[in-house]
Amino acid sequence: MSGSRRDRHVHLNVFLRVTGHHAGSWRHPDAHPELEHDIDYLIALTRIAERGLLDSVFLADGYSGRGSKLEPFTQLSALAAATEHIGLIATVGTVYNEPFHIARQFASLDHISGGRAGWNIVTGAGSAAHNFSMEEHPELDVRYETGEEFVEVVKQLWDSWEDDALLFDKQGGRQYAPGKVHEINFKGSKYAVKGPLNIPRPPQGYPVLVQAGSSEAGKELAAKTAEVVFTAQQTLAAGRAFYADVKGRLAKYGRSRDELVILPGLAPIIADTEAEAKELEEELFGLLDKEAALRHLSHYFTVDLADYPLDGPVPVDKSKPYGSIKQGISSRHEAVVDAAVRDNMTIRQFVNRSAGGHGHVTFTGSVVQAADFIENWFRSEAADGFNLLPQLFPSGLEIIADKLIPELQNRGLFRTAYEGGTLRDRLGLARPANTRHTAAAQ
């Protein structure tokens, strides 16, 4: 990215979820929970996002629980074939995978999509040890240490093919250039991988590397390795502090501030007027399973919130110490509880706020107000854009594509056509050179 802050464009990713990110969305008359596994419906959602010129769509994933979702590589491969421009980002954890598999899968997706793949790197917030012949989920510090090594192995595997390794020289009888495909012979504390990868280097060099999370270890890892950060910040002040903190860490790794795109989560309810948006908000809250929501939020406390009156204050003095939550995203605990303290919430308000954005900042208002919100965070250096979590699909995504985007374009804040051919082009990120082998050959 280049130019002044006023010259640059907002980046927008949409976090796909079939019915929406509000916990009550699946019960809404306009939602389609029965289409969870219908690839035509998922393609339709992605095409709405592409119609709005969004940078990318994102799929979360995990390996435990009772959730029902398609495996992301399979789904994104189908979406790649049905779209032309939009980026395709998937969460893949390092704890329950092997580097060779992930390097090959993302390289394949990048080739299939013509350079539109992105990897949201997580170390595994929730335990799935019981599904992988393991006794227990690794501790946070162990997960980050091995996760960093995992990513290094994957990068080396992507680099095991030089960019000009393929010849297809029919007359000379050579498919590959001699000496252009390399073993990596990696030996670390966790992984030993010989290589090379059995697929050429991805079109983007590396698929875009995304990091989620806002813990201290997460921020440091993001500054060292990530190119996009998904984060949860509840206020403009918190967003500015996080933005300055992470961007300020880049120099020690030889990186510029423009080499990392920071996208806080934003869970919006947008309508033509504020009154219409608030009406939808109340409708969604009315569909919420309050008992289930209380059970979920009680995870952050030493008491059961169901034992307290709904219209009484949140017992913030009973919240668990920050950093004590071993399952789930550790930084999300702090964001959720801090919001209750800051806004002096009742339990009812706490439940309703959390149901709308599960730890991300929520917004309810008109198209113009939503554009004001985005512009304020962008101009204030609290964000380079947003990871959008519409609270109701498909209507919440349609109003973003068809009404919010034109408003942002009118303000000079958003693209009017896709730039270049790859996700890196859209995000203003350079294609990484394969210096590991090209430099050695010089």
Protein backbone atom coordinates (compact mmCIF):
# COMPACT_ATOMS: atom_id res chain seq x y z
CA MET A 1 0.00 0.00 0.00
CA SER A 2 1.22 3.46 -0.72
CA GLY A 3 0.16 7.06 -0.56
CA SER A 4 -1.30 9.14 2.24
CA ARG A 5 -4.00 7.90 4.57
CA ARG A 6 -6.53 9.96 2.61
CA ASP A 7 -5.50 8.30 -0.68
CA ARG A 8 -5.87 4.74 0.53
CA HIS A 9 -8.92 2.51 0.38
CA VAL A 10 -10.67 0.61 3.13
CA HIS A 11 -10.23 -3.17 2.98
CA LEU A 12 -13.28 -5.31 3.67
CA ASN A 13 -13.47 -9.04 4.28
CA VAL A 14 -16.75 -10.81 5.03
CA PHE A 15 -16.88 -13.70 7.49
CA LEU A 16 -19.35 -16.11 5.89
CA ARG A 17 -21.93 -17.82 8.08
CA VAL A 18 -25.02 -19.31 6.49
CA THR A 19 -27.68 -17.59 8.63
CA GLY A 20 -25.70 -14.75 10.20
CA HIS A 21 -23.49 -13.97 13.18
CA HIS A 22 -26.30 -13.16 15.61
CA ALA A 23 -26.97 -16.17 17.82
CA GLY A 24 -30.68 -15.90 17.05
CA SER A 25 -30.30 -15.43 13.31
CA TRP A 26 -31.06 -19.03 12.36
CA ARG A 27 -34.64 -18.61 13.62
CA HIS A 28 -35.31 -15.46 11.57
CA PRO A 29 -37.87 -15.85 8.74
CA ASP A 30 -35.34 -14.58 6.17
CA ALA A 31 -32.59 -17.01 7.20
CA HIS A 32 -31.93 -20.38 5.58
CA PRO A 33 -30.35 -22.77 8.10
CA GLU A 34 -31.41 -25.73 5.96
CA LEU A 35 -28.92 -24.58 3.29
CA GLU A 36 -25.86 -25.05 5.52
CA HIS A 37 -24.42 -27.65 3.14
CA ASP A 38 -25.88 -26.35 -0.12
CA ILE A 39 -22.93 -25.24 -2.21
CA ASP A 40 -25.15 -23.28 -4.60
CA TYR A 41 -26.33 -21.11 -1.71
CA LEU A 42 -22.76 -20.60 -0.49
CA ILE A 43 -21.71 -19.67 -4.00
CA ALA A 44 -24.59 -17.18 -4.15
CA LEU A 45 -23.40 -15.51 -0.93
CA THR A 46 -19.84 -15.28 -2.26
CA ARG A 47 -21.07 -13.77 -5.51
CA ILE A 48 -22.93 -11.09 -3.55
CA ALA A 49 -19.65 -10.22 -1.83
CA GLU A 50 -17.85 -10.18 -5.18
CA ARG A 51 -20.60 -7.95 -6.62
CA GLY A 52 -19.71 -5.51 -3.84
CA LEU A 53 -15.99 -5.68 -4.75
CA LEU A 54 -15.05 -6.94 -1.29
CA ASP A 55 -11.46 -8.07 -0.85
CA SER A 56 -12.26 -11.56 0.38
CA VAL A 57 -14.55 -14.03 2.07
CA PHE A 58 -13.49 -15.99 5.12
CA LEU A 59 -14.45 -19.38 6.53
CA ALA A 60 -13.72 -20.34 10.12
CA ASP A 61 -13.09 -23.96 11.03
CA GLY A 62 -12.43 -26.29 13.94
CA TYR A 63 -12.13 -29.97 14.77
CA SER A 64 -14.45 -30.50 17.70
CA GLY A 65 -17.95 -29.69 18.96
CA ARG A 66 -21.33 -30.35 17.42
CA GLY A 67 -21.17 -27.68 14.75
CA SER A 68 -22.08 -28.74 11.23
CA LYS A 69 -20.09 -27.18 8.42
CA LEU A 70 -18.37 -28.11 5.19
CA GLU A 71 -14.62 -28.68 5.21
CA PRO A 72 -13.07 -25.37 4.06
CA PHE A 73 -10.64 -26.53 1.33
CA THR A 74 -13.40 -28.46 -0.42
CA GLN A 75 -15.80 -25.52 -0.12
CA LEU A 76 -13.30 -22.85 -1.20
CA SER A 77 -12.27 -24.90 -4.22
CA ALA A 78 -15.91 -24.88 -5.34
CA LEU A 79 -16.19 -21.15 -4.63
CA ALA A 80 -12.98 -20.52 -6.61
CA ALA A 81 -14.46 -22.17 -9.68
CA ALA A 82 -17.65 -20.11 -9.39
CA THR A 83 -16.02 -16.67 -8.90
CA GLU A 84 -13.37 -14.59 -10.64
CA HIS A 85 -11.92 -11.97 -8.33
CA ILE A 86 -12.71 -12.31 -4.65
CA GLY A 87 -10.14 -13.64 -2.19
CA LEU A 88 -10.74 -16.95 -0.39
CA ILE A 89 -9.48 -17.25 3.19
CA ALA A 90 -9.79 -20.30 5.44
CA THR A 91 -8.85 -21.02 9.03
CA VAL A 92 -6.51 -23.98 9.41
CA GLY A 93 -5.00 -24.83 12.79
CA THR A 94 -1.44 -25.98 13.32
CA VAL A 95 -1.94 -28.30 16.30
CA TYR A 96 -3.92 -31.02 14.54
CA ASN A 97 -2.27 -30.90 11.11
CA GLU A 98 1.08 -31.54 9.43
CA PRO A 99 2.98 -28.82 7.55
CA PHE A 100 3.32 -30.83 4.34
CA HIS A 101 -0.44 -31.37 4.06
CA ILE A 102 -1.24 -27.70 4.64
CA ALA A 103 1.48 -26.45 2.29
CA ARG A 104 0.12 -28.70 -0.45
CA GLN A 105 -3.55 -27.85 0.15
CA PHE A 106 -3.04 -24.08 0.15
CA ALA A 107 -0.74 -24.25 -2.86
CA SER A 108 -3.47 -26.22 -4.66
CA LEU A 109 -6.15 -23.68 -3.70
CA ASP A 110 -3.94 -20.81 -4.84
CA HIS A 111 -3.39 -22.50 -8.21
CA ILE A 112 -7.09 -23.36 -8.62
CA SER A 113 -8.18 -19.81 -7.79
CA GLY A 114 -5.51 -18.02 -9.82
CA GLY A 115 -3.82 -16.53 -6.76
CA ARG A 116 -6.72 -15.72 -4.44
CA ALA A 117 -6.00 -17.93 -1.40
CA GLY A 118 -5.37 -16.82 2.17
CA TRP A 119 -4.49 -18.83 5.28
CA ASN A 120 -5.87 -17.76 8.66
CA ILE A 121 -3.24 -19.30 10.94
CA VAL A 122 -4.47 -20.42 14.35
CA THR A 123 -2.71 -22.59 16.89
CA GLY A 124 -5.95 -24.18 18.08
CA ALA A 125 -8.12 -22.23 20.51
CA GLY A 126 -10.29 -25.23 21.36
CA SER A 127 -9.18 -28.72 22.25
CA ALA A 128 -9.76 -31.52 19.77
CA ALA A 129 -7.19 -33.84 21.32
CA HIS A 130 -9.78 -36.59 21.72
CA ASN A 131 -10.26 -36.68 17.95
CA PHE A 132 -6.57 -36.99 17.12
CA SER A 133 -5.23 -39.73 19.40
CA MET A 134 -3.78 -37.15 21.80
CA GLU A 135 -4.06 -37.07 25.58
CA GLU A 136 -4.50 -33.32 25.97
CA HIS A 137 -4.51 -29.98 24.17
CA PRO A 138 -1.08 -28.26 24.28
CA GLU A 139 -0.64 -25.20 26.50
CA LEU A 140 -0.73 -21.77 24.88
CA ASP A 141 3.04 -21.13 24.95
CA VAL A 142 3.72 -24.56 23.44
CA ARG A 143 1.10 -23.97 20.73
CA TYR A 144 2.68 -20.68 19.70
CA GLU A 145 6.20 -22.09 19.71
CA THR A 146 5.29 -25.08 17.55
CA GLY A 147 2.93 -22.97 15.45
CA GLU A 148 5.76 -20.63 14.50
CA GLU A 149 7.88 -23.60 13.47
CA PHE A 150 4.93 -25.05 11.53
CA VAL A 151 4.56 -21.87 9.46
CA GLU A 152 8.30 -21.79 8.77
CA VAL A 153 8.19 -25.35 7.40
CA VAL A 154 5.22 -24.48 5.18
CA LYS A 155 7.01 -21.43 3.77
CA GLN A 156 10.11 -23.47 3.04
CA LEU A 157 8.00 -26.08 1.26
CA TRP A 158 6.36 -23.38 -0.89
CA ASP A 159 9.84 -22.12 -1.71
CA SER A 160 11.14 -25.59 -2.55
CA TRP A 161 10.12 -24.87 -6.15
CA GLU A 162 11.74 -21.86 -7.79
CA ASP A 163 9.36 -19.72 -9.82
CA ASP A 164 10.91 -20.76 -13.13
CA ALA A 165 11.26 -24.46 -12.30
CA LEU A 166 8.71 -25.64 -14.87
CA LEU A 167 10.04 -25.86 -18.44
CA PHE A 168 7.84 -28.26 -20.45
CA ASP A 169 10.65 -28.35 -23.01
CA LYS A 170 9.26 -30.94 -25.44
CA GLN A 171 12.23 -30.87 -27.80
CA GLY A 172 14.79 -31.14 -25.03
CA GLY A 173 12.71 -33.64 -23.09
CA ARG A 174 12.82 -31.66 -19.85
CA GLN A 175 9.73 -30.88 -17.77
CA TYR A 176 11.72 -29.23 -14.96
CA ALA A 177 14.79 -27.06 -14.96
CA PRO A 178 17.76 -28.86 -13.39
CA GLY A 179 18.47 -27.67 -9.86
CA LYS A 180 15.26 -25.65 -9.56
CA VAL A 181 13.35 -28.04 -7.25
CA HIS A 182 14.93 -28.44 -3.81
CA GLU A 183 14.80 -30.61 -0.73
CA ILE A 184 14.39 -28.46 2.37
CA ASN A 185 15.78 -30.94 4.94
CA PHE A 186 14.13 -29.05 7.80
CA LYS A 187 14.90 -30.24 11.32
CA GLY A 188 13.38 -28.33 14.23
CA SER A 189 12.21 -29.00 17.78
CA LYS A 190 8.89 -30.40 16.53
CA TYR A 191 9.09 -31.10 12.80
CA ALA A 192 11.50 -32.90 10.47
CA VAL A 193 10.56 -32.51 6.81
CA LYS A 194 12.70 -33.47 3.82
CA GLY A 195 10.70 -32.01 0.93
CA PRO A 196 10.38 -30.85 -1.75
CA LEU A 197 6.68 -30.12 -2.02
CA ASN A 198 5.01 -32.06 -4.82
CA ILE A 199 3.35 -29.02 -6.39
CA PRO A 200 4.95 -25.87 -7.88
CA ARG A 201 5.24 -22.63 -5.94
CA PRO A 202 1.83 -20.90 -5.52
CA PRO A 203 0.93 -18.07 -7.92
CA GLN A 204 1.13 -15.57 -5.03
CA GLY A 205 4.44 -17.00 -3.84
CA TYR A 206 2.73 -17.55 -0.52
CA PRO A 207 -1.04 -17.40 -0.03
CA VAL A 208 -1.80 -14.33 2.09
CA LEU A 209 -0.92 -15.11 5.72
CA VAL A 210 -3.62 -14.07 8.20
CA GLN A 211 -3.36 -14.11 11.99
CA ALA A 212 -6.33 -14.01 14.36
CA GLY A 213 -6.10 -13.04 18.01
CA SER A 214 -4.95 -10.16 20.18
CA SER A 215 -2.99 -11.75 23.03
CA GLU A 216 0.57 -10.62 23.69
CA ALA A 217 2.00 -13.73 22.04
CA GLY A 218 -0.46 -13.33 19.18
CA LYS A 219 0.54 -9.72 18.55
CA GLU A 220 4.22 -10.61 18.47
CA LEU A 221 3.65 -13.53 16.10
CA ALA A 222 1.50 -11.29 13.89
CA ALA A 223 4.23 -8.64 13.69
CA LYS A 224 6.76 -11.29 12.73
CA THR A 225 4.80 -13.39 10.24
CA ALA A 226 1.30 -12.11 9.44
CA GLU A 227 0.17 -9.98 6.51
CA VAL A 228 -3.43 -9.51 7.69
CA VAL A 229 -4.67 -9.47 11.29
CA PHE A 230 -8.23 -10.29 12.32
CA THR A 231 -8.79 -8.82 15.78
CA ALA A 232 -11.59 -7.98 18.22
CA GLN A 233 -11.55 -4.39 19.52
CA GLN A 234 -14.65 -2.97 21.22
CA THR A 235 -13.91 0.75 21.08
CA LEU A 236 -12.17 3.29 18.86
CA ALA A 237 -9.60 3.91 21.61
CA ALA A 238 -8.87 0.19 21.95
CA GLY A 239 -8.61 -0.10 18.18
CA ARG A 240 -6.13 2.77 17.97
CA ALA A 241 -4.03 1.32 20.78
CA PHE A 242 -3.93 -2.14 19.18
CA TYR A 243 -3.16 -0.66 15.75
CA ALA A 244 -0.26 1.43 17.08
CA ASP A 245 1.07 -1.45 19.17
CA VAL A 246 1.19 -4.06 16.41
CA LYS A 247 2.32 -1.68 13.66
CA GLY A 248 5.03 -0.44 16.04
CA ARG A 249 6.48 -3.95 16.35
CA LEU A 250 7.09 -4.41 12.63
CA ALA A 251 10.35 -2.47 12.32
CA LYS A 252 12.33 -4.90 14.47
CA TYR A 253 11.49 -7.61 11.96
CA GLY A 254 12.57 -5.43 9.04
CA ARG A 255 8.99 -4.77 7.94
CA SER A 256 7.19 -1.55 7.06
CA ARG A 257 3.78 -0.52 8.43
CA ASP A 258 2.19 -1.10 5.03
CA GLU A 259 3.13 -4.79 5.06
CA LEU A 260 0.42 -5.61 7.60
CA VAL A 261 -3.31 -5.00 7.15
CA ILE A 262 -5.29 -4.77 10.42
CA LEU A 263 -8.98 -5.68 10.21
CA PRO A 264 -11.02 -5.56 13.43
CA GLY A 265 -14.27 -7.51 13.45
CA LEU A 266 -17.44 -5.46 12.93
CA ALA A 267 -20.86 -7.09 13.40
CA PRO A 268 -23.35 -4.71 11.77
CA ILE A 269 -27.10 -4.47 11.45
CA ILE A 270 -27.63 -1.96 8.64
CA ALA A 271 -30.85 -0.66 7.10
CA ASP A 272 -31.96 2.36 5.12
CA THR A 273 -32.85 4.13 8.38
CA GLU A 274 -31.67 3.82 11.96
CA ALA A 275 -35.22 3.00 13.08
CA GLU A 276 -35.43 0.05 10.68
CA ALA A 277 -32.05 -1.24 11.86
CA LYS A 278 -33.08 -1.05 15.52
CA GLU A 279 -36.33 -2.84 14.72
CA LEU A 280 -34.34 -5.72 13.19
CA GLU A 281 -32.01 -5.72 16.19
CA GLU A 282 -34.95 -6.15 18.57
CA GLU A 283 -36.39 -8.87 16.34
CA LEU A 284 -33.14 -10.84 16.47
CA PHE A 285 -32.85 -10.42 20.23
CA GLY A 286 -36.38 -11.79 20.56
CA LEU A 287 -35.29 -14.97 18.79
CA LEU A 288 -32.33 -15.55 21.09
CA ASP A 289 -32.13 -18.57 23.39
CA LYS A 290 -31.35 -16.62 26.55
CA GLU A 291 -30.59 -19.69 28.67
CA ALA A 292 -28.00 -20.97 26.19
CA ALA A 293 -26.46 -17.51 25.92
CA LEU A 294 -26.16 -17.27 29.72
CA ARG A 295 -24.47 -20.67 29.87
CA HIS A 296 -21.96 -19.60 27.24
CA LEU A 297 -21.13 -16.28 28.92
CA SER A 298 -20.84 -17.92 32.35
CA HIS A 299 -17.65 -19.50 31.00
CA TYR A 300 -15.96 -16.15 31.68
CA PHE A 301 -17.10 -16.03 35.34
CA THR A 302 -16.72 -18.03 38.53
CA VAL A 303 -20.51 -17.98 38.98
CA ASP A 304 -23.54 -18.99 36.91
CA LEU A 305 -25.06 -15.85 35.41
CA ALA A 306 -28.45 -17.59 35.33
CA ASP A 307 -28.53 -17.19 39.14
CA TYR A 308 -28.57 -13.40 38.80
CA PRO A 309 -31.47 -11.14 37.72
CA LEU A 310 -31.45 -10.32 33.99
CA ASP A 311 -31.92 -6.62 34.66
CA GLY A 312 -29.31 -6.50 37.40
CA PRO A 313 -25.66 -5.52 36.81
CA VAL A 314 -23.13 -7.95 35.38
CA PRO A 315 -21.15 -9.34 38.37
CA VAL A 316 -17.82 -8.21 36.96
CA ASP A 317 -16.17 -8.83 40.34
CA LYS A 318 -16.84 -12.53 39.70
CA SER A 319 -15.11 -12.65 36.32
CA LYS A 320 -12.22 -15.06 35.94
CA PRO A 321 -8.71 -13.55 35.80
CA TYR A 322 -7.59 -12.63 32.30
CA GLY A 323 -5.36 -15.32 30.86
CA SER A 324 -6.97 -18.06 32.94
CA ILE A 325 -9.23 -19.35 30.15
CA LYS A 326 -7.50 -22.33 28.58
CA GLN A 327 -10.10 -23.07 25.92
CA GLY A 328 -11.23 -20.52 23.36
CA ILE A 329 -9.52 -17.34 22.19
CA SER A 330 -7.74 -15.97 25.27
CA SER A 331 -7.90 -12.32 24.19
CA ARG A 332 -11.66 -12.57 23.53
CA HIS A 333 -12.26 -13.04 27.28
CA GLU A 334 -10.78 -9.62 27.98
CA ALA A 335 -12.71 -7.88 25.19
CA VAL A 336 -16.07 -9.32 26.27
CA VAL A 337 -15.72 -8.58 29.99
CA ASP A 338 -14.17 -5.15 29.44
CA ALA A 339 -17.25 -4.16 27.44
CA ALA A 340 -19.49 -5.03 30.39
CA VAL A 341 -17.34 -2.96 32.74
CA ARG A 342 -16.98 0.01 30.40
CA ASP A 343 -20.69 0.32 29.59
CA ASN A 344 -21.95 -0.65 33.06
CA MET A 345 -24.17 -3.29 31.46
CA THR A 346 -27.05 -5.23 32.89
CA ILE A 347 -26.93 -8.97 32.27
CA ARG A 348 -29.69 -8.55 29.67
CA GLN A 349 -27.62 -5.95 27.81
CA PHE A 350 -24.52 -8.12 28.17
CA VAL A 351 -26.31 -11.12 26.66
CA ASN A 352 -27.77 -9.09 23.81
CA ARG A 353 -24.46 -7.41 22.94
CA SER A 354 -22.53 -10.66 23.03
CA ALA A 355 -25.14 -12.47 20.93
CA GLY A 356 -24.71 -9.95 18.14
CA GLY A 357 -20.96 -10.03 17.71
CA HIS A 358 -19.43 -12.76 19.93
CA GLY A 359 -16.71 -10.44 21.17
CA HIS A 360 -16.50 -8.10 18.18
CA VAL A 361 -17.82 -4.55 18.13
CA THR A 362 -21.47 -4.39 17.11
CA PHE A 363 -23.17 -1.62 15.16
CA THR A 364 -26.83 -0.87 14.47
CA GLY A 365 -27.82 2.02 12.24
CA SER A 366 -28.40 3.42 8.77
CA VAL A 367 -26.19 3.03 5.71
CA VAL A 368 -24.83 6.55 6.17
CA GLN A 369 -24.14 5.95 9.88
CA ALA A 370 -22.33 2.70 9.05
CA ALA A 371 -20.15 4.51 6.52
CA ASP A 372 -19.43 7.20 9.15
CA PHE A 373 -18.37 4.49 11.61
CA ILE A 374 -16.02 2.83 9.11
CA GLU A 375 -14.54 6.13 7.97
CA ASN A 376 -13.92 7.27 11.54
CA TRP A 377 -11.98 4.13 12.48
CA PHE A 378 -10.05 4.21 9.20
CA ARG A 379 -9.12 7.89 9.37
CA SER A 380 -8.22 7.56 13.08
CA GLU A 381 -5.71 4.76 12.43
CA ALA A 382 -7.72 2.24 14.39
CA ALA A 383 -8.13 -0.03 11.34
CA ASP A 384 -7.11 -0.56 7.72
CA GLY A 385 -10.63 -1.86 7.17
CA PHE A 386 -12.90 -4.46 8.74
CA ASN A 387 -13.66 -8.14 8.97
CA LEU A 388 -17.43 -7.86 8.52
CA LEU A 389 -19.75 -10.20 10.43
CA PRO A 390 -23.29 -9.42 9.23
CA GLN A 391 -25.76 -10.47 11.90
CA LEU A 392 -28.24 -11.81 9.33
CA PHE A 393 -27.59 -13.49 5.97
CA PRO A 394 -28.29 -13.01 3.13
CA SER A 395 -29.95 -9.60 3.64
CA GLY A 396 -27.15 -8.21 5.79
CA LEU A 397 -24.61 -8.97 3.08
CA GLU A 398 -26.85 -7.64 0.31
CA ILE A 399 -27.21 -4.21 1.92
CA ILE A 400 -23.43 -4.05 2.37
CA ALA A 401 -22.81 -4.86 -1.31
CA ASP A 402 -25.61 -2.77 -2.80
CA LYS A 403 -25.86 0.25 -0.47
CA LEU A 404 -22.92 0.54 1.94
CA ILE A 405 -20.25 0.03 -0.72
CA PRO A 406 -21.66 2.76 -3.03
CA GLU A 407 -21.71 5.15 -0.04
CA LEU A 408 -18.05 4.36 0.70
CA GLN A 409 -17.21 4.79 -2.99
CA ASN A 410 -18.88 8.20 -3.02
CA ARG A 411 -16.54 9.21 -0.19
CA GLY A 412 -13.47 7.95 -2.09
CA LEU A 413 -12.93 5.27 0.54
CA PHE A 414 -13.47 2.13 -1.51
CA ARG A 415 -12.40 0.72 -4.87
CA THR A 416 -14.61 1.03 -7.94
CA ALA A 417 -13.01 -2.00 -9.63
CA TYR A 418 -10.79 -4.87 -8.57
CA GLU A 419 -7.06 -4.17 -8.78
CA GLY A 420 -4.76 -6.76 -10.33
CA GLY A 421 -5.46 -10.47 -10.38
CA THR A 422 -4.53 -11.77 -6.93
CA LEU A 423 -5.60 -11.27 -3.34
CA ARG A 424 -2.19 -9.73 -2.68
CA ASP A 425 -2.90 -7.15 -5.39
CA ARG A 426 -6.20 -6.23 -3.70
CA LEU A 427 -4.54 -5.85 -0.30
CA GLY A 428 -1.52 -3.94 -1.59
CA LEU A 429 0.85 -6.69 -0.46
CA ALA A 430 4.02 -7.56 -2.37
CA ARG A 431 4.55 -11.05 -3.74
CA PRO A 432 7.33 -12.64 -1.61
CA ALA A 433 10.45 -13.38 -3.61
CA ASN A 434 11.95 -16.85 -3.34
CA THR A 435 15.24 -15.55 -1.96
CA ARG A 436 15.95 -18.84 -0.20
CA HIS A 437 17.11 -20.44 -3.46
CA THR A 438 17.47 -17.68 -6.05
CA ALA A 439 19.97 -15.84 -3.86
CA ALA A 440 21.98 -19.03 -3.34
CA ALA A 441 22.19 -19.54 -7.09
CA GLN A 442 23.65 -16.11 -7.77
